[in-house]
Amino acid sequence: MSARRWLWITVAALTIARFWLAGRCELLPEEAYYWTYAQHPALGYFDHPPMVAWTVKAGTLLLGDTERGVRLVNMLLWVGSCLLLWLTARHWFDERVATWSAWIFVVLPIFVGVGFIVTPDGPLVFFWMLTLYALTRALQQPRYWFLAGVAFGAALLSKYYAVILAPSLVWFLLLSPKYRFWLKRWQPWAAVVLALLVFSPVIIWNSQHQWASFAFQTTRTVGQKGSTLAKVGTFWAMQLAVVTPVGLVALAAATARGIRRGWFGHEDAWNFATSFSLPVFALFVAASVKTGVHVNWTAPAFLSLSMAAAAAFLEGRAWWRAGAWALAVMAVVATVLGHVILATGKPARIAYNHTGGWRTLATRVGEARRELAAQTGQDPFVIGADKYNIAAEAGFYLHLPGQCVNLFAVGERGLGYRYWTDLQLLEGRPAVAAMFGRQEKTLEELRAHFERLDVKPSQPVGMFGTKQQEVTLAYCYGYRPARP
């Protein structure tokens, strides 16, 4: 059986397995937070553009407010991304390179994670890849510039740093004697205008909210503490984890070959593969000096670069092929282990601290709400006393997104909650506050905003990553929001 046939059989099998697994894995806090986005439809959100909310909403309309519903569209976009990568690589190289490019996409842990866990990166990877495919076709057929514009705009609606696609294209065209003439044609510039029109909902939202999202994204690194060496070291350690050590070496070697043959040798296929990978990766290398770079942010850099890696593998000598098989083995092991951890939380020593336990925590909060409601005759709301984890998870598992708020309730800036929560409507009501451990500072903040508190003894809740977490519930009476 050919490698191409095995590829699509594997993609289908993985998709079916993920669909089954999606219903067995509790939502991670980030996923619950984006589900909360979707419960408050808007043209934009404080910390991200709206595409992730739209994809979650589409999935839950089909499958309900379930874990599978939240993850459905994200999983389908992974399949679409793989197909678009195959089509793009086939144009620039040949079918064999296309097939092995897609295999790299399928096995690399970073894309496995992006294709399952709901973050803005799932839509970003799809629309980034759709943009590259449309650009590939547009170089030969001008009408595809309009698809490129729409895809570019959708990528911007997924994550702001997709803007780097524009300078990457200019760089590619400048280094291509064959295609440089496009810089003088009107179609690429019309595509940029079209992209801005597609992106305009975010511009409108920001204009109505003091440009809050743009300001947050451009100033989030200001004042961050910590050792520069530690930040840079963490960045490279994470890259080793998400593409494996062998994969990182192979991709680095492919980058060097792409620079030599594409940028200096003017071979357009290698130029294309490198021009749409190295700039975005360099962006995060530079960012790692100032801020913590999340493990999934570099995913787009490995899309077109996988084409170069596949071409180098097929052209390479025995050591390239040995490295490729080592990469495959390491990637498969990492993928299986990652899915096992998500499903079972084992081995606990390396499990993500926020995996599992949220349904149990939400059940306890729900019981506390009912008890407090019986005491007061009022409908209590919920305060998740952390960044967003507890509030988002309680909102999802109690099906009460409008009744759950994070520390915005006691004066914190509150991320997205400050844009969809009207604290004045909660005035006078009781609340159940939930926190990990007994946080005296938080309890003092709660006392400043309630007539009185009844703090319950901390109790353990089974959480996969740390086995157990001590959770403290506080019954809060008579909410007094801060006056604007």
Protein backbone atom coordinates (compact mmCIF):
# COMPACT_ATOMS: atom_id res chain seq x y z
CA MET A 1 0.00 0.00 0.00
CA SER A 2 1.33 3.44 -0.92
CA ALA A 3 2.47 6.01 1.62
CA ARG A 4 -0.29 8.33 0.44
CA ARG A 5 -3.01 5.77 1.07
CA TRP A 6 -1.60 4.95 4.49
CA LEU A 7 -1.53 8.68 5.22
CA TRP A 8 -5.24 9.23 4.66
CA ILE A 9 -6.18 6.01 6.44
CA THR A 10 -4.16 7.24 9.42
CA VAL A 11 -5.78 10.69 9.30
CA ALA A 12 -9.25 9.11 9.25
CA ALA A 13 -8.41 6.71 12.09
CA LEU A 14 -6.92 9.47 14.23
CA THR A 15 -9.96 11.67 13.66
CA ILE A 16 -12.32 8.90 14.76
CA ALA A 17 -10.14 8.13 17.79
CA ARG A 18 -10.03 11.80 18.76
CA PHE A 19 -13.78 12.13 18.41
CA TRP A 20 -14.17 9.26 20.89
CA LEU A 21 -11.49 10.67 23.18
CA ALA A 22 -12.98 14.17 23.05
CA GLY A 23 -16.01 12.96 24.98
CA ARG A 24 -13.88 11.30 27.68
CA CYS A 25 -11.51 14.19 28.44
CA GLU A 26 -12.75 17.03 30.60
CA LEU A 27 -12.19 20.47 29.14
CA LEU A 28 -8.94 22.16 30.03
CA PRO A 29 -9.42 25.60 31.62
CA GLU A 30 -8.39 27.31 28.37
CA GLU A 31 -11.04 25.38 26.46
CA ALA A 32 -13.71 26.24 29.02
CA TYR A 33 -12.66 29.89 28.79
CA TYR A 34 -13.11 29.89 25.03
CA TRP A 35 -16.47 28.17 25.48
CA THR A 36 -17.37 31.11 27.73
CA TYR A 37 -16.40 33.42 24.86
CA ALA A 38 -18.94 31.61 22.69
CA GLN A 39 -21.71 32.19 25.25
CA HIS A 40 -21.20 35.93 24.86
CA PRO A 41 -21.20 36.56 21.07
CA ALA A 42 -19.13 39.58 20.12
CA LEU A 43 -17.08 41.01 17.26
CA GLY A 44 -13.96 40.64 19.36
CA TYR A 45 -12.67 39.76 22.80
CA PHE A 46 -10.17 41.28 25.17
CA ASP A 47 -7.39 38.72 24.85
CA HIS A 48 -8.04 37.22 21.39
CA PRO A 49 -9.85 37.80 18.12
CA PRO A 50 -13.22 36.01 17.81
CA MET A 51 -12.53 33.06 15.48
CA VAL A 52 -12.02 30.54 18.31
CA ALA A 53 -15.37 31.56 19.79
CA TRP A 54 -17.09 31.16 16.42
CA THR A 55 -15.68 27.67 15.90
CA VAL A 56 -16.71 26.59 19.41
CA LYS A 57 -20.19 28.00 18.83
CA ALA A 58 -20.53 26.11 15.55
CA GLY A 59 -19.56 22.83 17.18
CA THR A 60 -21.87 23.26 20.17
CA LEU A 61 -24.79 24.12 17.90
CA LEU A 62 -24.31 20.69 16.34
CA LEU A 63 -23.43 18.59 19.40
CA GLY A 64 -24.59 20.70 22.32
CA ASP A 65 -22.57 22.14 25.19
CA THR A 66 -20.46 19.03 25.56
CA GLU A 67 -16.75 18.36 25.41
CA ARG A 68 -17.18 16.90 21.92
CA GLY A 69 -19.21 19.91 20.83
CA VAL A 70 -16.52 22.31 21.99
CA ARG A 71 -13.77 20.36 20.19
CA LEU A 72 -15.61 19.26 17.04
CA VAL A 73 -14.69 22.04 14.62
CA ASN A 74 -11.12 22.20 15.91
CA MET A 75 -10.65 18.51 15.07
CA LEU A 76 -12.12 18.96 11.60
CA LEU A 77 -9.87 21.95 10.94
CA TRP A 78 -6.88 19.70 11.67
CA VAL A 79 -7.96 17.41 8.83
CA GLY A 80 -8.43 20.40 6.54
CA SER A 81 -5.00 21.77 7.43
CA CYS A 82 -3.38 18.44 6.57
CA LEU A 83 -5.12 18.34 3.19
CA LEU A 84 -4.15 21.95 2.37
CA LEU A 85 -0.54 21.24 3.28
CA TRP A 86 -0.55 18.21 0.97
CA LEU A 87 -2.03 20.23 -1.92
CA THR A 88 0.44 23.10 -1.42
CA ALA A 89 3.48 20.84 -1.19
CA ARG A 90 2.40 18.91 -4.27
CA HIS A 91 2.42 22.13 -6.27
CA TRP A 92 5.83 23.34 -5.11
CA PHE A 93 7.57 19.96 -5.11
CA ASP A 94 5.79 16.73 -6.10
CA GLU A 95 3.35 14.18 -4.74
CA ARG A 96 5.96 12.25 -2.77
CA VAL A 97 7.11 15.38 -0.97
CA ALA A 98 3.46 16.33 -0.39
CA THR A 99 2.75 12.98 1.23
CA TRP A 100 5.77 13.08 3.52
CA SER A 101 5.03 16.72 4.41
CA ALA A 102 1.59 15.64 5.52
CA TRP A 103 3.09 12.73 7.49
CA ILE A 104 5.27 15.23 9.36
CA PHE A 105 2.16 17.26 10.14
CA VAL A 106 0.34 14.16 11.38
CA VAL A 107 3.07 12.94 13.73
CA LEU A 108 4.58 16.14 15.16
CA PRO A 109 3.29 16.58 18.73
CA ILE A 110 2.71 20.31 18.25
CA PHE A 111 0.13 19.68 15.52
CA VAL A 112 -1.38 16.75 17.39
CA GLY A 113 -2.04 19.10 20.31
CA VAL A 114 -3.28 21.96 18.15
CA GLY A 115 -5.69 19.59 16.42
CA PHE A 116 -7.30 18.40 19.65
CA ILE A 117 -7.06 21.02 22.40
CA VAL A 118 -9.18 24.06 21.59
CA THR A 119 -7.12 27.23 21.36
CA PRO A 120 -6.98 30.03 18.76
CA ASP A 121 -4.11 28.10 17.17
CA GLY A 122 -6.39 25.47 15.61
CA PRO A 123 -8.20 28.00 13.39
CA LEU A 124 -4.93 29.89 12.89
CA VAL A 125 -3.12 26.85 11.51
CA PHE A 126 -6.02 26.11 9.14
CA PHE A 127 -6.36 29.65 7.79
CA TRP A 128 -2.60 30.12 7.66
CA MET A 129 -2.42 27.00 5.52
CA LEU A 130 -5.38 28.13 3.41
CA THR A 131 -3.57 31.42 2.82
CA LEU A 132 -0.43 29.58 1.67
CA TYR A 133 -2.47 27.38 -0.64
CA ALA A 134 -4.32 30.37 -2.11
CA LEU A 135 -1.06 32.26 -2.61
CA THR A 136 0.42 29.25 -4.36
CA ARG A 137 -2.48 29.16 -6.80
CA ALA A 138 -2.61 32.96 -7.14
CA LEU A 139 0.92 33.10 -8.53
CA GLN A 140 -0.43 31.23 -11.57
CA GLN A 141 -4.11 32.20 -11.58
CA PRO A 142 -4.79 35.80 -10.45
CA ARG A 143 -8.35 35.12 -9.30
CA TYR A 144 -6.94 33.22 -6.31
CA TRP A 145 -5.61 36.47 -4.85
CA PHE A 146 -9.15 37.09 -3.61
CA LEU A 147 -9.21 33.75 -1.79
CA ALA A 148 -5.81 34.64 -0.36
CA GLY A 149 -7.23 37.91 0.96
CA VAL A 150 -10.20 36.21 2.62
CA ALA A 151 -7.97 33.49 4.11
CA PHE A 152 -5.46 36.06 5.38
CA GLY A 153 -8.27 38.03 7.01
CA ALA A 154 -9.60 34.84 8.65
CA ALA A 155 -6.09 34.08 9.94
CA LEU A 156 -6.02 37.56 11.50
CA LEU A 157 -9.41 36.83 13.04
CA SER A 158 -7.75 33.80 14.64
CA LYS A 159 -4.59 35.42 16.01
CA TYR A 160 -3.05 38.84 15.57
CA TYR A 161 0.44 37.65 14.74
CA ALA A 162 -0.88 36.21 11.47
CA VAL A 163 -0.08 39.71 10.19
CA ILE A 164 3.46 38.41 9.59
CA LEU A 165 2.11 36.57 6.54
CA ALA A 166 2.17 39.90 4.67
CA PRO A 167 5.90 40.72 5.10
CA SER A 168 6.69 37.04 4.52
CA LEU A 169 4.98 37.25 1.14
CA VAL A 170 6.84 40.44 0.25
CA TRP A 171 10.12 38.77 1.21
CA PHE A 172 9.31 35.73 -0.92
CA LEU A 173 8.47 37.87 -3.93
CA LEU A 174 11.55 40.06 -3.55
CA LEU A 175 13.78 36.96 -3.61
CA SER A 176 11.99 35.39 -6.58
CA PRO A 177 13.02 36.67 -10.02
CA LYS A 178 10.16 34.66 -11.52
CA TYR A 179 7.36 36.09 -9.35
CA ARG A 180 8.72 39.48 -8.34
CA PHE A 181 6.51 41.20 -10.91
CA TRP A 182 3.50 40.60 -8.64
CA LEU A 183 4.69 43.44 -6.42
CA LYS A 184 3.72 45.80 -9.24
CA ARG A 185 0.29 44.27 -9.87
CA TRP A 186 -2.89 45.42 -8.20
CA GLN A 187 -4.20 41.99 -7.15
CA PRO A 188 -1.92 41.41 -4.12
CA TRP A 189 -2.73 44.85 -2.76
CA ALA A 190 -6.44 44.26 -3.31
CA ALA A 191 -6.04 41.04 -1.33
CA VAL A 192 -4.62 43.04 1.58
CA VAL A 193 -7.60 45.40 1.46
CA LEU A 194 -9.96 42.42 1.37
CA ALA A 195 -8.16 40.91 4.37
CA LEU A 196 -8.66 44.14 6.31
CA LEU A 197 -12.37 44.05 5.48
CA VAL A 198 -12.61 40.50 6.79
CA PHE A 199 -10.69 41.57 9.88
CA SER A 200 -12.85 44.67 10.40
CA PRO A 201 -15.06 43.16 13.17
CA VAL A 202 -12.02 43.20 15.46
CA ILE A 203 -11.24 46.79 14.50
CA ILE A 204 -14.85 47.78 15.23
CA TRP A 205 -14.81 46.00 18.62
CA ASN A 206 -11.57 47.66 19.61
CA SER A 207 -12.79 51.09 18.55
CA GLN A 208 -15.79 50.59 20.87
CA HIS A 209 -13.65 49.40 23.80
CA GLN A 210 -10.77 51.89 23.99
CA TRP A 211 -8.59 49.69 21.73
CA ALA A 212 -8.28 47.33 24.69
CA SER A 213 -7.35 44.15 22.84
CA PHE A 214 -4.70 45.82 20.70
CA ALA A 215 -3.25 47.48 23.79
CA PHE A 216 -3.19 44.20 25.71
CA GLN A 217 -1.37 42.33 22.95
CA THR A 218 1.21 45.06 22.38
CA THR A 219 2.02 45.71 26.05
CA ARG A 220 1.69 42.23 27.62
CA THR A 221 5.48 41.81 27.87
CA VAL A 222 6.02 45.12 29.65
CA GLY A 223 7.17 44.68 33.22
CA GLN A 224 7.38 40.90 33.09
CA LYS A 225 9.79 39.59 35.67
CA GLY A 226 12.17 36.68 35.53
CA SER A 227 15.56 35.76 34.22
CA THR A 228 16.12 36.29 30.50
CA LEU A 229 18.24 33.16 30.42
CA ALA A 230 15.42 31.18 32.03
CA LYS A 231 12.88 32.49 29.52
CA VAL A 232 15.07 31.67 26.54
CA GLY A 233 15.97 28.29 27.97
CA THR A 234 12.31 27.47 28.59
CA PHE A 235 11.45 28.46 25.03
CA TRP A 236 13.99 26.06 23.51
CA ALA A 237 13.07 23.30 25.93
CA MET A 238 9.45 23.59 24.84
CA GLN A 239 10.45 23.47 21.17
CA LEU A 240 12.37 20.28 21.87
CA ALA A 241 9.23 18.86 23.47
CA VAL A 242 6.72 19.78 20.77
CA VAL A 243 8.78 18.80 17.71
CA THR A 244 11.09 16.29 19.46
CA PRO A 245 14.90 16.69 19.56
CA VAL A 246 15.35 14.83 16.29
CA GLY A 247 12.62 16.87 14.67
CA LEU A 248 14.18 20.14 15.76
CA VAL A 249 17.53 19.14 14.28
CA ALA A 250 15.89 17.99 11.04
CA LEU A 251 13.84 21.17 10.72
CA ALA A 252 16.90 23.31 11.43
CA ALA A 253 18.82 21.46 8.71
CA ALA A 254 15.90 21.95 6.33
CA THR A 255 15.90 25.66 7.15
CA ALA A 256 19.60 25.94 6.34
CA ARG A 257 19.01 24.17 3.04
CA GLY A 258 16.04 26.43 2.32
CA ILE A 259 18.11 29.56 2.89
CA ARG A 260 20.89 28.27 0.69
CA ARG A 261 18.74 27.00 -2.17
CA GLY A 262 15.76 29.33 -1.84
CA TRP A 263 17.10 32.70 -0.74
CA PHE A 264 20.52 32.50 -2.38
CA GLY A 265 19.88 29.92 -5.08
CA HIS A 266 16.49 31.39 -6.09
CA GLU A 267 14.73 28.03 -6.20
CA ASP A 268 11.14 29.12 -5.65
CA ALA A 269 9.92 26.01 -3.84
CA TRP A 270 12.64 26.29 -1.20
CA ASN A 271 12.19 30.07 -1.06
CA PHE A 272 8.45 29.64 -0.40
CA ALA A 273 8.98 27.00 2.29
CA THR A 274 11.53 29.11 4.15
CA SER A 275 9.98 32.56 3.71
CA PHE A 276 6.75 31.51 5.40
CA SER A 277 8.42 29.73 8.30
CA LEU A 278 11.61 31.47 9.39
CA PRO A 279 10.17 34.98 9.95
CA VAL A 280 7.45 33.82 12.34
CA PHE A 281 9.83 31.53 14.20
CA ALA A 282 12.37 34.35 14.48
CA LEU A 283 9.61 36.54 15.91
CA PHE A 284 9.14 34.17 18.83
CA VAL A 285 12.85 33.60 19.32
CA ALA A 286 13.12 37.37 19.81
CA ALA A 287 10.00 37.45 22.00
CA SER A 288 11.42 34.75 24.27
CA VAL A 289 14.01 37.23 25.50
CA LYS A 290 11.27 39.37 27.05
CA THR A 291 8.32 37.10 27.75
CA GLY A 292 7.21 33.53 28.20
CA VAL A 293 6.28 32.08 24.80
CA HIS A 294 3.50 29.52 24.98
CA VAL A 295 4.31 26.09 23.64
CA ASN A 296 1.77 26.25 20.79
CA TRP A 297 2.60 29.70 19.42
CA THR A 298 5.29 28.54 17.00
CA ALA A 299 3.01 26.03 15.22
CA PRO A 300 2.63 28.05 11.97
CA ALA A 301 6.40 28.14 11.54
CA PHE A 302 6.50 24.38 11.04
CA LEU A 303 3.85 24.25 8.30
CA SER A 304 5.73 25.29 5.17
CA LEU A 305 8.97 24.15 6.78
CA SER A 306 7.62 20.60 6.83
CA MET A 307 7.68 20.74 3.02
CA ALA A 308 11.37 21.56 3.07
CA ALA A 309 12.03 18.83 5.62
CA ALA A 310 10.17 16.26 3.51
CA ALA A 311 12.06 17.29 0.36
CA ALA A 312 15.37 17.11 2.22
CA PHE A 313 14.43 13.66 3.53
CA LEU A 314 13.66 12.33 0.06
CA GLU A 315 16.82 13.87 -1.39
CA GLY A 316 18.97 12.99 1.59
CA ARG A 317 21.37 10.26 2.38
CA ALA A 318 21.06 7.41 4.85
CA TRP A 319 21.46 9.63 7.94
CA TRP A 320 18.48 11.73 6.85
CA ARG A 321 16.33 8.64 6.54
CA ALA A 322 17.52 7.24 9.86
CA GLY A 323 16.72 10.55 11.50
CA ALA A 324 13.28 10.59 9.91
CA TRP A 325 12.43 7.18 11.33
CA ALA A 326 13.74 8.23 14.74
CA LEU A 327 11.53 11.32 14.53
CA ALA A 328 8.52 9.15 13.64
CA VAL A 329 9.08 6.82 16.59
CA MET A 330 9.60 9.68 19.07
CA ALA A 331 6.59 11.58 17.74
CA VAL A 332 4.29 8.57 17.92
CA VAL A 333 5.39 7.82 21.49
CA ALA A 334 4.84 11.47 22.47
CA THR A 335 1.43 11.51 20.78
CA VAL A 336 0.20 8.35 22.46
CA LEU A 337 1.52 9.52 25.83
CA GLY A 338 -0.14 12.90 25.44
CA HIS A 339 -3.53 11.38 24.70
CA VAL A 340 -3.22 8.93 27.58
CA ILE A 341 -2.42 11.77 29.97
CA LEU A 342 -5.42 13.76 28.77
CA ALA A 343 -7.74 10.77 29.15
CA THR A 344 -6.46 9.33 32.43
CA GLY A 345 -4.11 11.84 34.02
CA LYS A 346 -1.41 9.18 34.23
CA PRO A 347 1.48 9.17 34.76
CA ALA A 348 0.56 11.86 37.27
CA ARG A 349 4.16 13.02 37.66
CA ILE A 350 4.19 14.55 34.18
CA ALA A 351 0.49 15.26 33.74
CA TYR A 352 -0.67 18.80 33.18
CA ASN A 353 -1.74 20.23 36.55
CA HIS A 354 -5.10 21.40 35.28
CA THR A 355 -6.18 18.15 33.63
CA GLY A 356 -9.31 16.60 35.11
CA GLY A 357 -11.18 17.11 38.35
CA TRP A 358 -13.19 20.06 37.11
CA ARG A 359 -16.50 18.21 36.96
CA THR A 360 -16.04 17.16 40.61
CA LEU A 361 -15.17 20.71 41.63
CA ALA A 362 -18.18 22.07 39.76
CA THR A 363 -20.43 19.52 41.48
CA ARG A 364 -19.25 20.75 44.89
CA VAL A 365 -19.80 24.36 43.89
CA GLY A 366 -23.27 23.45 42.63
CA GLU A 367 -24.15 21.78 45.93
CA ALA A 368 -22.92 24.84 47.78
CA ARG A 369 -25.06 27.10 45.57
CA ARG A 370 -28.16 25.08 46.38
CA GLU A 371 -27.41 25.18 50.12
CA LEU A 372 -26.77 28.91 50.04
CA ALA A 373 -29.92 29.48 47.98
CA ALA A 374 -31.95 27.58 50.59
CA GLN A 375 -30.45 29.76 53.33
CA THR A 376 -31.01 33.11 51.65
CA GLY A 377 -33.92 32.59 49.31
CA GLN A 378 -31.81 34.18 46.56
CA ASP A 379 -29.95 32.81 43.55
CA PRO A 380 -26.20 32.82 44.34
CA PHE A 381 -23.62 33.55 41.68
CA VAL A 382 -20.15 31.97 41.57
CA ILE A 383 -16.76 33.60 42.00
CA GLY A 384 -13.80 31.62 40.71
CA ALA A 385 -10.98 33.12 42.76
CA ASP A 386 -8.21 32.81 40.18
CA LYS A 387 -7.34 34.08 36.71
CA TYR A 388 -10.18 32.29 34.89
CA ASN A 389 -9.79 28.54 35.46
CA ILE A 390 -12.44 27.99 38.14
CA ALA A 391 -14.94 30.48 36.75
CA ALA A 392 -14.74 29.04 33.24
CA GLU A 393 -14.89 25.39 34.32
CA ALA A 394 -17.75 26.01 36.75
CA GLY A 395 -19.61 27.93 34.07
CA PHE A 396 -19.29 25.02 31.65
CA TYR A 397 -20.04 22.11 33.97
CA LEU A 398 -22.84 23.91 35.82
CA HIS A 399 -24.18 25.37 32.54
CA LEU A 400 -24.17 28.82 34.16
CA PRO A 401 -21.74 30.98 32.17
CA GLY A 402 -23.63 34.15 32.96
CA GLN A 403 -23.55 33.45 36.71
CA CYS A 404 -19.80 32.78 37.03
CA VAL A 405 -17.17 35.49 37.29
CA ASN A 406 -13.48 35.52 38.09
CA LEU A 407 -11.65 37.94 40.41
CA PHE A 408 -13.09 40.82 38.40
CA ALA A 409 -15.82 40.69 41.07
CA VAL A 410 -13.43 42.02 43.71
CA GLY A 411 -11.55 44.61 41.72
CA GLU A 412 -9.20 42.69 39.43
CA ARG A 413 -9.09 43.74 35.78
CA GLY A 414 -10.72 40.43 34.94
CA LEU A 415 -9.64 39.65 31.35
CA GLY A 416 -12.72 38.96 29.22
CA TYR A 417 -15.08 38.80 32.20
CA ARG A 418 -15.12 42.56 32.57
CA TYR A 419 -16.66 42.87 29.10
CA TRP A 420 -19.51 40.40 29.55
CA THR A 421 -20.24 40.76 33.31
CA ASP A 422 -22.30 43.65 34.66
CA LEU A 423 -21.38 43.64 38.35
CA GLN A 424 -24.14 46.07 39.21
CA LEU A 425 -26.73 43.41 38.32
CA LEU A 426 -25.21 41.17 40.99
CA GLU A 427 -25.55 43.72 43.79
CA GLY A 428 -27.12 42.38 46.98
CA ARG A 429 -26.91 38.76 45.90
CA PRO A 430 -25.05 35.98 47.71
CA ALA A 431 -22.16 34.13 46.07
CA VAL A 432 -20.12 30.97 46.42
CA ALA A 433 -16.42 31.76 46.09
CA ALA A 434 -14.05 28.89 45.24
CA MET A 435 -10.28 28.99 45.51
CA PHE A 436 -7.34 26.61 45.62
CA GLY A 437 -6.02 26.50 49.16
CA ARG A 438 -6.92 29.17 51.68
CA GLN A 439 -5.89 32.48 50.19
CA GLU A 440 -6.03 35.07 52.94
CA LYS A 441 -5.46 37.98 50.58
CA THR A 442 -8.38 36.88 48.43
CA LEU A 443 -10.58 36.39 51.47
CA GLU A 444 -9.81 39.95 52.56
CA GLU A 445 -10.78 41.20 49.11
CA LEU A 446 -14.03 39.26 49.35
CA ARG A 447 -14.80 40.71 52.79
CA ALA A 448 -14.41 44.19 51.33
CA HIS A 449 -17.17 43.45 48.82
CA PHE A 450 -19.63 41.42 50.91
CA GLU A 451 -21.51 42.08 54.13
CA ARG A 452 -20.12 38.89 55.64
CA LEU A 453 -18.35 35.62 54.77
CA ASP A 454 -18.69 32.07 56.02
CA VAL A 455 -15.44 30.32 55.06
CA LYS A 456 -15.73 26.54 54.94
CA PRO A 457 -12.86 24.17 55.78
CA SER A 458 -10.66 23.26 52.81
CA GLN A 459 -11.37 19.90 51.23
CA PRO A 460 -9.35 17.86 48.72
CA VAL A 461 -10.52 17.48 45.14
CA GLY A 462 -8.92 14.94 42.85
CA MET A 463 -7.05 16.72 40.06
CA PHE A 464 -5.06 14.61 37.63
CA GLY A 465 -1.85 16.58 37.45
CA THR A 466 -1.25 16.94 41.18
CA LYS A 467 -3.54 14.08 42.27
CA GLN A 468 -5.34 16.35 44.71
CA GLN A 469 -5.95 20.04 45.24
CA GLU A 470 -7.18 21.62 48.43
CA VAL A 471 -10.25 23.69 47.59
CA THR A 472 -11.77 26.29 49.88
CA LEU A 473 -15.38 27.42 49.49
CA ALA A 474 -16.65 30.64 51.03
CA TYR A 475 -20.33 31.50 51.39
CA CYS A 476 -20.59 35.21 50.72
CA TYR A 477 -23.62 37.33 51.69
CA GLY A 478 -24.75 40.68 50.30
CA TYR A 479 -22.52 41.59 47.37
CA ARG A 480 -21.32 45.21 47.11
CA PRO A 481 -19.66 45.83 43.75
CA ALA A 482 -17.14 48.61 43.39
CA ARG A 483 -18.73 51.71 41.95
CA PRO A 484 -17.46 52.78 38.51
